[in-house]
Amino acid sequence: MTNPIVLSLGELLWDMLPGGKRAGGAPVNFAYHAMKNGAEGWAISAVGEDELGDELVAKADEAGINTVIQRNAWPTSTVEVALKNGIPEYTIVKGVAWDHILYTRQLIDVVSKADAICFGTLALRSPETHATIMELLKHTKPGAMKFFDINLRGDHYSKELIEELLKAATVFKINDEELLLLRDMFDIRGTSGEDACRWFLDEFDLDYVILTAGSAYSTVISRKGESSTLDTPHVEVVDTVGAGDSFSGTFTARTLLGDSLTDAHRKAVNTAAFVCTQAGAWPDYPTEMPDYLAEAGK
């Protein structure tokens, strides 16, 4: 069996952490962890014609991520990250290179080969990249997984954008804080987390809805009626940057490789726990991933 191709669309950037800069961007984090879990990871983005852009392209290549990176006159994206008890708070600058991804034949060709594509709200904040990504999603092959990780940041989203992306998606991932906001936005107040997930599953004809609740638990629900809920294992947290993306990338890769929903979920939880013990979103993996759930008797 050939490795499935998992592709991310959107932001590639430098996370400016207290300990220095680290390569990141939610979609590319997704591609990295999909690659580390058996897929062929690809990323489509844009960086500036500057030294930070050169370094970022080299870093992605060094990490083993296949990239189609456009270079343009806009600056390479940097995001200030403040850590409070290991939890990141982001200051995201507008008018950066990935706000201007051009729609090209090369991108269409790459998208048409992908078995899964990841996208979020942030990269679609600008009209140019919004138009490009929405057009590219029309070129996915039949049966491709379209993974919408909502990834709300600042004011870079709207109900209209979220609905547009939900209609394009087959998988929807959201965290507990984002769900609070969406309960009001979609008038589903008073629902439990699981009921809210099932509402989105039915309303937008999705294959999976994934709800993560930080250090508490995560739930995966499928259209086929399967579900899995696991407590989050407790680990010594260095920072949580990229933990949610690592969960998503792992779950996607393992699902495409034929794992059951339960097995793919367990591997996703263990990967996310491991990433929390490391600095930055692209840590080197150990020879064997720790089974934190088994250690906790789960």
C-alpha atoms as a PDB file:
ATOM      1  CA  MET A   1       0.000   0.000   0.000  1.00  0.00           C
ATOM      2  CA  THR A   2       1.352   3.408  -0.950  1.00  0.00           C
ATOM      3  CA  ASN A   3       1.418   6.066   1.720  1.00  0.00           C
ATOM      4  CA  PRO A   4      -1.684   8.290   1.602  1.00  0.00           C
ATOM      5  CA  ILE A   5      -1.053  11.895   0.584  1.00  0.00           C
ATOM      6  CA  VAL A   6      -2.127  14.392   3.233  1.00  0.00           C
ATOM      7  CA  LEU A   7      -2.091  18.045   2.200  1.00  0.00           C
ATOM      8  CA  SER A   8      -2.463  21.259   4.186  1.00  0.00           C
ATOM      9  CA  LEU A   9      -3.640  24.598   2.809  1.00  0.00           C
ATOM     10  CA  GLY A  10      -2.820  27.837   4.594  1.00  0.00           C
ATOM     11  CA  GLU A  11      -0.468  29.516   6.980  1.00  0.00           C
ATOM     12  CA  LEU A  12       3.233  28.712   7.307  1.00  0.00           C
ATOM     13  CA  LEU A  13       4.903  30.976   9.841  1.00  0.00           C
ATOM     14  CA  TRP A  14       7.371  31.502  12.634  1.00  0.00           C
ATOM     15  CA  ASP A  15       5.976  31.153  16.146  1.00  0.00           C
ATOM     16  CA  MET A  16       7.974  33.712  18.142  1.00  0.00           C
ATOM     17  CA  LEU A  17       8.132  31.890  21.474  1.00  0.00           C
ATOM     18  CA  PRO A  18       9.824  33.147  24.650  1.00  0.00           C
ATOM     19  CA  GLY A  19      12.688  30.703  23.954  1.00  0.00           C
ATOM     20  CA  GLY A  20      13.119  31.755  20.310  1.00  0.00           C
ATOM     21  CA  LYS A  21      11.408  31.252  16.973  1.00  0.00           C
ATOM     22  CA  ARG A  22       9.995  27.900  15.867  1.00  0.00           C
ATOM     23  CA  ALA A  23       8.414  26.912  12.568  1.00  0.00           C
ATOM     24  CA  GLY A  24       4.659  26.469  12.713  1.00  0.00           C
ATOM     25  CA  GLY A  25       1.225  27.287  11.357  1.00  0.00           C
ATOM     26  CA  ALA A  26      -1.714  25.004  12.139  1.00  0.00           C
ATOM     27  CA  PRO A  27      -2.156  23.442   8.670  1.00  0.00           C
ATOM     28  CA  VAL A  28       1.565  22.717   8.294  1.00  0.00           C
ATOM     29  CA  ASN A  29       1.717  21.309  11.828  1.00  0.00           C
ATOM     30  CA  PHE A  30      -1.077  18.972  10.686  1.00  0.00           C
ATOM     31  CA  ALA A  31       0.946  17.860   7.642  1.00  0.00           C
ATOM     32  CA  TYR A  32       4.058  17.261   9.766  1.00  0.00           C
ATOM     33  CA  HIS A  33       2.287  14.955  12.204  1.00  0.00           C
ATOM     34  CA  ALA A  34       0.401  13.154   9.430  1.00  0.00           C
ATOM     35  CA  MET A  35       3.802  12.487   7.860  1.00  0.00           C
ATOM     36  CA  LYS A  36       5.207  11.221  11.166  1.00  0.00           C
ATOM     37  CA  ASN A  37       2.270   8.794  11.390  1.00  0.00           C
ATOM     38  CA  GLY A  38       2.647   7.118   8.029  1.00  0.00           C
ATOM     39  CA  ALA A  39       1.310   9.568   5.441  1.00  0.00           C
ATOM     40  CA  GLU A  40       3.109  11.596   2.803  1.00  0.00           C
ATOM     41  CA  GLY A  41       2.822  15.130   4.167  1.00  0.00           C
ATOM     42  CA  TRP A  42       2.439  18.137   1.854  1.00  0.00           C
ATOM     43  CA  ALA A  43       1.915  21.833   2.528  1.00  0.00           C
ATOM     44  CA  ILE A  44       0.740  24.653   0.248  1.00  0.00           C
ATOM     45  CA  SER A  45       1.536  28.150   1.510  1.00  0.00           C
ATOM     46  CA  ALA A  46       3.453  31.343   0.778  1.00  0.00           C
ATOM     47  CA  VAL A  47       6.396  33.099   2.408  1.00  0.00           C
ATOM     48  CA  GLY A  48       8.163  36.355   1.679  1.00  0.00           C
ATOM     49  CA  GLU A  49      11.204  36.959  -0.482  1.00  0.00           C
ATOM     50  CA  ASP A  50      13.215  37.488   2.671  1.00  0.00           C
ATOM     51  CA  GLU A  51      15.635  35.713   4.977  1.00  0.00           C
ATOM     52  CA  LEU A  52      12.864  34.507   7.288  1.00  0.00           C
ATOM     53  CA  GLY A  53      11.180  32.947   4.256  1.00  0.00           C
ATOM     54  CA  ASP A  54      14.401  31.210   3.192  1.00  0.00           C
ATOM     55  CA  GLU A  55      14.802  29.788   6.683  1.00  0.00           C
ATOM     56  CA  LEU A  56      11.183  28.631   6.846  1.00  0.00           C
ATOM     57  CA  VAL A  57      11.341  26.780   3.512  1.00  0.00           C
ATOM     58  CA  ALA A  58      14.577  25.111   4.640  1.00  0.00           C
ATOM     59  CA  LYS A  59      13.038  24.168   7.992  1.00  0.00           C
ATOM     60  CA  ALA A  60      10.016  22.517   6.359  1.00  0.00           C
ATOM     61  CA  ASP A  61      12.300  20.591   4.007  1.00  0.00           C
ATOM     62  CA  GLU A  62      14.509  19.519   6.897  1.00  0.00           C
ATOM     63  CA  ALA A  63      11.410  18.303   8.778  1.00  0.00           C
ATOM     64  CA  GLY A  64      10.456  16.056   5.848  1.00  0.00           C
ATOM     65  CA  ILE A  65       7.384  18.028   4.731  1.00  0.00           C
ATOM     66  CA  ASN A  66       6.898  18.258   0.967  1.00  0.00           C
ATOM     67  CA  THR A  67       6.056  21.850   0.124  1.00  0.00           C
ATOM     68  CA  VAL A  68       4.660  23.984  -2.656  1.00  0.00           C
ATOM     69  CA  ILE A  69       5.652  27.381  -1.321  1.00  0.00           C
ATOM     70  CA  GLN A  70       5.013  30.537  -3.301  1.00  0.00           C
ATOM     71  CA  ARG A  71       7.371  33.478  -2.745  1.00  0.00           C
ATOM     72  CA  ASN A  72       5.992  37.001  -2.916  1.00  0.00           C
ATOM     73  CA  ALA A  73       6.755  40.581  -1.913  1.00  0.00           C
ATOM     74  CA  TRP A  74       4.767  40.404   1.324  1.00  0.00           C
ATOM     75  CA  PRO A  75       6.653  39.672   4.581  1.00  0.00           C
ATOM     76  CA  THR A  76       7.046  36.165   5.936  1.00  0.00           C
ATOM     77  CA  SER A  77       4.550  35.664   8.737  1.00  0.00           C
ATOM     78  CA  THR A  78       5.631  35.843  12.367  1.00  0.00           C
ATOM     79  CA  VAL A  79       3.304  35.337  15.313  1.00  0.00           C
ATOM     80  CA  GLU A  80       4.102  36.493  18.818  1.00  0.00           C
ATOM     81  CA  VAL A  81       3.342  33.670  21.237  1.00  0.00           C
ATOM     82  CA  ALA A  82       3.040  34.349  24.969  1.00  0.00           C
ATOM     83  CA  LEU A  83       2.851  31.260  27.163  1.00  0.00           C
ATOM     84  CA  LYS A  84       0.718  31.309  30.307  1.00  0.00           C
ATOM     85  CA  ASN A  85       1.151  28.035  32.221  1.00  0.00           C
ATOM     86  CA  GLY A  86       2.193  26.452  28.932  1.00  0.00           C
ATOM     87  CA  ILE A  87      -0.985  27.646  27.144  1.00  0.00           C
ATOM     88  CA  PRO A  88      -0.229  29.853  24.112  1.00  0.00           C
ATOM     89  CA  GLU A  89      -1.751  33.248  23.410  1.00  0.00           C
ATOM     90  CA  TYR A  90      -1.202  34.511  19.861  1.00  0.00           C
ATOM     91  CA  THR A  91      -0.737  37.961  18.343  1.00  0.00           C
ATOM     92  CA  ILE A  92      -1.236  37.519  14.591  1.00  0.00           C
ATOM     93  CA  VAL A  93      -0.144  40.222  12.138  1.00  0.00           C
ATOM     94  CA  LYS A  94      -2.182  40.894   8.984  1.00  0.00           C
ATOM     95  CA  GLY A  95      -0.794  41.560   5.511  1.00  0.00           C
ATOM     96  CA  VAL A  96       1.675  38.678   5.291  1.00  0.00           C
ATOM     97  CA  ALA A  97       2.762  36.353   2.489  1.00  0.00           C
ATOM     98  CA  TRP A  98       0.166  33.611   3.077  1.00  0.00           C
ATOM     99  CA  ASP A  99      -2.617  36.201   2.776  1.00  0.00           C
ATOM    100  CA  HIS A 100      -1.707  36.245  -0.941  1.00  0.00           C
ATOM    101  CA  ILE A 101      -1.603  32.633  -2.166  1.00  0.00           C
ATOM    102  CA  LEU A 102      -2.193  32.607  -5.929  1.00  0.00           C
ATOM    103  CA  TYR A 103      -4.461  30.107  -7.667  1.00  0.00           C
ATOM    104  CA  THR A 104      -2.227  28.213 -10.130  1.00  0.00           C
ATOM    105  CA  ARG A 105      -2.235  25.047 -12.219  1.00  0.00           C
ATOM    106  CA  GLN A 106       0.569  23.685 -10.034  1.00  0.00           C
ATOM    107  CA  LEU A 107      -1.625  23.936  -6.930  1.00  0.00           C
ATOM    108  CA  ILE A 108      -4.559  22.287  -8.715  1.00  0.00           C
ATOM    109  CA  ASP A 109      -2.332  19.367  -9.702  1.00  0.00           C
ATOM    110  CA  VAL A 110      -1.131  18.842  -6.132  1.00  0.00           C
ATOM    111  CA  VAL A 111      -4.635  19.110  -4.639  1.00  0.00           C
ATOM    112  CA  SER A 112      -6.094  16.631  -7.126  1.00  0.00           C
ATOM    113  CA  LYS A 113      -3.719  13.898  -5.886  1.00  0.00           C
ATOM    114  CA  ALA A 114      -4.404  14.319  -2.150  1.00  0.00           C
ATOM    115  CA  ASP A 115      -6.226  11.701  -0.069  1.00  0.00           C
ATOM    116  CA  ALA A 116      -6.886  14.261   2.681  1.00  0.00           C
ATOM    117  CA  ILE A 117      -6.785  18.055   2.802  1.00  0.00           C
ATOM    118  CA  CYS A 118      -6.678  20.198   5.931  1.00  0.00           C
ATOM    119  CA  PHE A 119      -7.823  23.817   6.154  1.00  0.00           C
ATOM    120  CA  GLY A 120      -8.945  26.302   8.817  1.00  0.00           C
ATOM    121  CA  THR A 121     -10.459  29.746   9.135  1.00  0.00           C
ATOM    122  CA  LEU A 122      -7.282  31.788   9.623  1.00  0.00           C
ATOM    123  CA  ALA A 123      -5.784  31.530   6.133  1.00  0.00           C
ATOM    124  CA  LEU A 124      -9.118  32.506   4.579  1.00  0.00           C
ATOM    125  CA  ARG A 125      -9.227  35.905   6.302  1.00  0.00           C
ATOM    126  CA  SER A 126      -7.964  37.644   3.127  1.00  0.00           C
ATOM    127  CA  PRO A 127     -10.003  37.777  -0.109  1.00  0.00           C
ATOM    128  CA  GLU A 128      -7.124  36.493  -2.249  1.00  0.00           C
ATOM    129  CA  THR A 129      -6.254  33.366  -0.282  1.00  0.00           C
ATOM    130  CA  HIS A 130      -9.945  32.774   0.490  1.00  0.00           C
ATOM    131  CA  ALA A 131     -10.722  32.639  -3.228  1.00  0.00           C
ATOM    132  CA  THR A 132      -7.721  30.387  -3.931  1.00  0.00           C
ATOM    133  CA  ILE A 133      -8.501  27.825  -1.233  1.00  0.00           C
ATOM    134  CA  MET A 134     -12.211  27.622  -2.033  1.00  0.00           C
ATOM    135  CA  GLU A 135     -11.400  27.029  -5.710  1.00  0.00           C
ATOM    136  CA  LEU A 136      -8.762  24.415  -4.846  1.00  0.00           C
ATOM    137  CA  LEU A 137     -11.252  22.483  -2.695  1.00  0.00           C
ATOM    138  CA  LYS A 138     -13.344  21.973  -5.850  1.00  0.00           C
ATOM    139  CA  HIS A 139     -10.470  19.950  -7.336  1.00  0.00           C
ATOM    140  CA  THR A 140     -10.199  17.271  -4.659  1.00  0.00           C
ATOM    141  CA  LYS A 141     -10.605  13.725  -5.899  1.00  0.00           C
ATOM    142  CA  PRO A 142     -13.781  11.769  -5.068  1.00  0.00           C
ATOM    143  CA  GLY A 143     -13.686  10.377  -1.533  1.00  0.00           C
ATOM    144  CA  ALA A 144     -10.872  12.644  -0.317  1.00  0.00           C
ATOM    145  CA  MET A 145     -11.092  13.570   3.363  1.00  0.00           C
ATOM    146  CA  LYS A 146     -11.605  17.315   3.774  1.00  0.00           C
ATOM    147  CA  PHE A 147     -10.581  18.148   7.328  1.00  0.00           C
ATOM    148  CA  PHE A 148     -11.825  21.481   8.665  1.00  0.00           C
ATOM    149  CA  ASP A 149      -9.995  22.362  11.868  1.00  0.00           C
ATOM    150  CA  ILE A 150     -11.808  25.570  12.788  1.00  0.00           C
ATOM    151  CA  ASN A 151      -8.824  27.032  14.694  1.00  0.00           C
ATOM    152  CA  LEU A 152     -10.403  30.365  15.671  1.00  0.00           C
ATOM    153  CA  ARG A 153      -7.895  33.171  16.206  1.00  0.00           C
ATOM    154  CA  GLY A 154      -8.701  36.744  17.246  1.00  0.00           C
ATOM    155  CA  ASP A 155     -11.292  38.269  14.946  1.00  0.00           C
ATOM    156  CA  HIS A 156     -10.157  36.413  11.820  1.00  0.00           C
ATOM    157  CA  TYR A 157     -13.455  34.595  11.200  1.00  0.00           C
ATOM    158  CA  SER A 158     -17.202  35.041  10.686  1.00  0.00           C
ATOM    159  CA  LYS A 159     -20.300  32.845  10.813  1.00  0.00           C
ATOM    160  CA  GLU A 160     -20.520  33.042   7.015  1.00  0.00           C
ATOM    161  CA  LEU A 161     -16.940  31.753   6.626  1.00  0.00           C
ATOM    162  CA  ILE A 162     -17.484  28.945   9.132  1.00  0.00           C
ATOM    163  CA  GLU A 163     -20.663  27.822   7.346  1.00  0.00           C
ATOM    164  CA  GLU A 164     -18.922  27.973   3.971  1.00  0.00           C
ATOM    165  CA  LEU A 165     -16.094  25.745   5.206  1.00  0.00           C
ATOM    166  CA  LEU A 166     -18.441  23.332   6.979  1.00  0.00           C
ATOM    167  CA  LYS A 167     -20.290  22.815   3.695  1.00  0.00           C
ATOM    168  CA  ALA A 168     -16.973  21.998   1.998  1.00  0.00           C
ATOM    169  CA  ALA A 169     -15.789  19.628   4.746  1.00  0.00           C
ATOM    170  CA  THR A 170     -16.177  15.940   5.554  1.00  0.00           C
ATOM    171  CA  VAL A 171     -14.496  16.206   8.991  1.00  0.00           C
ATOM    172  CA  PHE A 172     -14.957  18.993  11.539  1.00  0.00           C
ATOM    173  CA  LYS A 173     -12.687  19.498  14.539  1.00  0.00           C
ATOM    174  CA  ILE A 174     -13.422  21.971  17.308  1.00  0.00           C
ATOM    175  CA  ASN A 175     -12.260  22.508  20.876  1.00  0.00           C
ATOM    176  CA  ASP A 176     -14.409  23.133  23.930  1.00  0.00           C
ATOM    177  CA  GLU A 177     -13.759  26.900  24.007  1.00  0.00           C
ATOM    178  CA  GLU A 178     -14.656  27.259  20.337  1.00  0.00           C
ATOM    179  CA  LEU A 179     -17.810  25.218  20.910  1.00  0.00           C
ATOM    180  CA  LEU A 180     -19.009  27.748  23.503  1.00  0.00           C
ATOM    181  CA  LEU A 181     -18.853  30.437  20.839  1.00  0.00           C
ATOM    182  CA  LEU A 182     -20.499  28.251  18.180  1.00  0.00           C
ATOM    183  CA  ARG A 183     -23.369  27.285  20.472  1.00  0.00           C
ATOM    184  CA  ASP A 184     -24.418  30.943  20.439  1.00  0.00           C
ATOM    185  CA  MET A 185     -23.558  31.466  16.776  1.00  0.00           C
ATOM    186  CA  PHE A 186     -25.690  28.506  15.589  1.00  0.00           C
ATOM    187  CA  ASP A 187     -28.359  28.800  18.304  1.00  0.00           C
ATOM    188  CA  ILE A 188     -27.720  25.373  19.845  1.00  0.00           C
ATOM    189  CA  ARG A 189     -27.385  26.628  23.425  1.00  0.00           C
ATOM    190  CA  GLY A 190     -27.946  24.153  26.229  1.00  0.00           C
ATOM    191  CA  THR A 191     -26.737  21.126  24.275  1.00  0.00           C
ATOM    192  CA  SER A 192     -24.145  18.742  25.685  1.00  0.00           C
ATOM    193  CA  GLY A 193     -20.811  18.507  23.889  1.00  0.00           C
ATOM    194  CA  GLU A 194     -21.820  15.226  22.288  1.00  0.00           C
ATOM    195  CA  ASP A 195     -25.251  16.513  21.235  1.00  0.00           C
ATOM    196  CA  ALA A 196     -23.659  19.599  19.696  1.00  0.00           C
ATOM    197  CA  CYS A 197     -21.254  17.366  17.766  1.00  0.00           C
ATOM    198  CA  ARG A 198     -24.153  15.291  16.474  1.00  0.00           C
ATOM    199  CA  TRP A 199     -25.983  18.460  15.440  1.00  0.00           C
ATOM    200  CA  PHE A 200     -23.030  19.532  13.263  1.00  0.00           C
ATOM    201  CA  LEU A 201     -22.655  15.966  11.945  1.00  0.00           C
ATOM    202  CA  ASP A 202     -26.269  15.907  10.757  1.00  0.00           C
ATOM    203  CA  GLU A 203     -26.658  19.553   9.736  1.00  0.00           C
ATOM    204  CA  PHE A 204     -23.608  19.526   7.446  1.00  0.00           C
ATOM    205  CA  ASP A 205     -23.605  15.844   6.412  1.00  0.00           C
ATOM    206  CA  LEU A 206     -20.139  15.186   7.872  1.00  0.00           C
ATOM    207  CA  ASP A 207     -18.274  11.889   8.215  1.00  0.00           C
ATOM    208  CA  TYR A 208     -16.674  12.774  11.583  1.00  0.00           C
ATOM    209  CA  VAL A 209     -16.899  15.472  14.232  1.00  0.00           C
ATOM    210  CA  ILE A 210     -14.046  15.733  16.718  1.00  0.00           C
ATOM    211  CA  LEU A 211     -14.304  17.647  19.995  1.00  0.00           C
ATOM    212  CA  THR A 212     -11.179  18.212  22.085  1.00  0.00           C
ATOM    213  CA  ALA A 213     -11.409  19.548  25.621  1.00  0.00           C
ATOM    214  CA  GLY A 214      -7.796  20.265  26.522  1.00  0.00           C
ATOM    215  CA  SER A 215      -6.616  18.467  29.636  1.00  0.00           C
ATOM    216  CA  ALA A 216     -10.049  16.870  30.217  1.00  0.00           C
ATOM    217  CA  TYR A 217     -11.086  14.595  27.317  1.00  0.00           C
ATOM    218  CA  SER A 218     -11.676  14.249  23.573  1.00  0.00           C
ATOM    219  CA  THR A 219     -14.550  12.716  21.618  1.00  0.00           C
ATOM    220  CA  VAL A 220     -14.776  11.461  18.036  1.00  0.00           C
ATOM    221  CA  ILE A 221     -18.204  10.751  16.516  1.00  0.00           C
ATOM    222  CA  SER A 222     -18.760   9.239  13.071  1.00  0.00           C
ATOM    223  CA  ARG A 223     -21.694   9.282  10.702  1.00  0.00           C
ATOM    224  CA  LYS A 224     -21.714   5.461  10.876  1.00  0.00           C
ATOM    225  CA  GLY A 225     -22.773   5.678  14.518  1.00  0.00           C
ATOM    226  CA  GLU A 226     -19.376   4.900  16.051  1.00  0.00           C
ATOM    227  CA  SER A 227     -17.983   7.072  18.804  1.00  0.00           C
ATOM    228  CA  SER A 228     -14.954   7.160  21.082  1.00  0.00           C
ATOM    229  CA  THR A 229     -14.338   9.276  24.180  1.00  0.00           C
ATOM    230  CA  LEU A 230     -11.005   9.249  25.980  1.00  0.00           C
ATOM    231  CA  ASP A 231      -9.713  11.144  29.002  1.00  0.00           C
ATOM    232  CA  THR A 232      -6.660  13.258  28.268  1.00  0.00           C
ATOM    233  CA  PRO A 233      -3.575  11.713  29.921  1.00  0.00           C
ATOM    234  CA  HIS A 234      -1.745  13.969  32.354  1.00  0.00           C
ATOM    235  CA  VAL A 235       1.826  14.768  31.340  1.00  0.00           C
ATOM    236  CA  GLU A 236       4.495  17.285  32.295  1.00  0.00           C
ATOM    237  CA  VAL A 237       3.553  20.156  29.949  1.00  0.00           C
ATOM    238  CA  VAL A 238       6.301  22.225  28.322  1.00  0.00           C
ATOM    239  CA  ASP A 239       3.877  23.985  25.977  1.00  0.00           C
ATOM    240  CA  THR A 240       0.709  23.046  24.093  1.00  0.00           C
ATOM    241  CA  VAL A 241       1.684  24.707  20.793  1.00  0.00           C
ATOM    242  CA  GLY A 242       0.630  22.402  17.962  1.00  0.00           C
ATOM    243  CA  ALA A 243      -0.925  19.747  20.219  1.00  0.00           C
ATOM    244  CA  GLY A 244      -4.359  19.995  18.597  1.00  0.00           C
ATOM    245  CA  ASP A 245      -2.810  19.910  15.119  1.00  0.00           C
ATOM    246  CA  SER A 246      -0.803  16.810  16.041  1.00  0.00           C
ATOM    247  CA  PHE A 247      -4.037  15.128  17.161  1.00  0.00           C
ATOM    248  CA  SER A 248      -5.677  15.976  13.821  1.00  0.00           C
ATOM    249  CA  GLY A 249      -2.734  14.910  11.663  1.00  0.00           C
ATOM    250  CA  THR A 250      -2.360  11.613  13.502  1.00  0.00           C
ATOM    251  CA  PHE A 251      -6.072  10.800  13.380  1.00  0.00           C
ATOM    252  CA  THR A 252      -6.201  11.560   9.648  1.00  0.00           C
ATOM    253  CA  ALA A 253      -3.126   9.512   8.737  1.00  0.00           C
ATOM    254  CA  ARG A 254      -4.139   6.513  10.815  1.00  0.00           C
ATOM    255  CA  THR A 255      -7.731   6.578   9.508  1.00  0.00           C
ATOM    256  CA  LEU A 256      -6.476   6.639   5.907  1.00  0.00           C
ATOM    257  CA  LEU A 257      -4.144   3.742   6.715  1.00  0.00           C
ATOM    258  CA  GLY A 258      -7.092   1.652   7.874  1.00  0.00           C
ATOM    259  CA  ASP A 259      -7.070   1.978  11.660  1.00  0.00           C
ATOM    260  CA  SER A 260     -10.417   1.693  13.430  1.00  0.00           C
ATOM    261  CA  LEU A 261     -11.922   4.867  14.838  1.00  0.00           C
ATOM    262  CA  THR A 262     -10.925   3.771  18.360  1.00  0.00           C
ATOM    263  CA  ASP A 263      -7.325   2.971  17.406  1.00  0.00           C
ATOM    264  CA  ALA A 264      -6.884   6.169  15.387  1.00  0.00           C
ATOM    265  CA  HIS A 265      -8.291   8.159  18.314  1.00  0.00           C
ATOM    266  CA  ARG A 266      -5.931   6.508  20.836  1.00  0.00           C
ATOM    267  CA  LYS A 267      -2.909   7.240  18.658  1.00  0.00           C
ATOM    268  CA  ALA A 268      -4.053  10.843  18.206  1.00  0.00           C
ATOM    269  CA  VAL A 269      -4.409  11.327  21.971  1.00  0.00           C
ATOM    270  CA  ASN A 270      -0.982   9.839  22.659  1.00  0.00           C
ATOM    271  CA  THR A 271       0.669  11.996  19.987  1.00  0.00           C
ATOM    272  CA  ALA A 272      -0.939  15.165  21.351  1.00  0.00           C
ATOM    273  CA  ALA A 273       0.186  14.264  24.884  1.00  0.00           C
ATOM    274  CA  PHE A 274       3.746  13.737  23.627  1.00  0.00           C
ATOM    275  CA  VAL A 275       3.758  17.095  21.808  1.00  0.00           C
ATOM    276  CA  CYS A 276       2.724  18.821  25.047  1.00  0.00           C
ATOM    277  CA  THR A 277       5.935  17.488  26.652  1.00  0.00           C
ATOM    278  CA  GLN A 278       8.063  19.086  23.922  1.00  0.00           C
ATOM    279  CA  ALA A 279       8.924  22.654  22.878  1.00  0.00           C
ATOM    280  CA  GLY A 280       7.340  23.779  19.616  1.00  0.00           C
ATOM    281  CA  ALA A 281       4.983  22.140  17.132  1.00  0.00           C
ATOM    282  CA  TRP A 282       7.432  19.948  15.156  1.00  0.00           C
ATOM    283  CA  PRO A 283       9.340  17.880  17.726  1.00  0.00           C
ATOM    284  CA  ASP A 284      11.414  14.879  16.719  1.00  0.00           C
ATOM    285  CA  TYR A 285       9.545  11.679  17.475  1.00  0.00           C
ATOM    286  CA  PRO A 286      10.983   8.995  19.746  1.00  0.00           C
ATOM    287  CA  THR A 287      11.704   5.557  18.251  1.00  0.00           C
ATOM    288  CA  GLU A 288       8.515   4.381  19.925  1.00  0.00           C
ATOM    289  CA  MET A 289       5.721   6.745  20.921  1.00  0.00           C
ATOM    290  CA  PRO A 290       4.874   6.457  24.654  1.00  0.00           C
ATOM    291  CA  ASP A 291       1.467   4.979  25.383  1.00  0.00           C
ATOM    292  CA  TYR A 292       0.312   7.506  27.935  1.00  0.00           C
ATOM    293  CA  LEU A 293      -3.215   6.098  27.951  1.00  0.00           C
ATOM    294  CA  ALA A 294      -1.982   2.609  28.866  1.00  0.00           C
ATOM    295  CA  GLU A 295       0.225   4.086  31.590  1.00  0.00           C
ATOM    296  CA  ALA A 296      -2.878   5.773  32.991  1.00  0.00           C
ATOM    297  CA  GLY A 297      -4.775   2.463  32.823  1.00  0.00           C
ATOM    298  CA  LYS A 298      -7.028   3.613  29.977  1.00  0.00           C
END
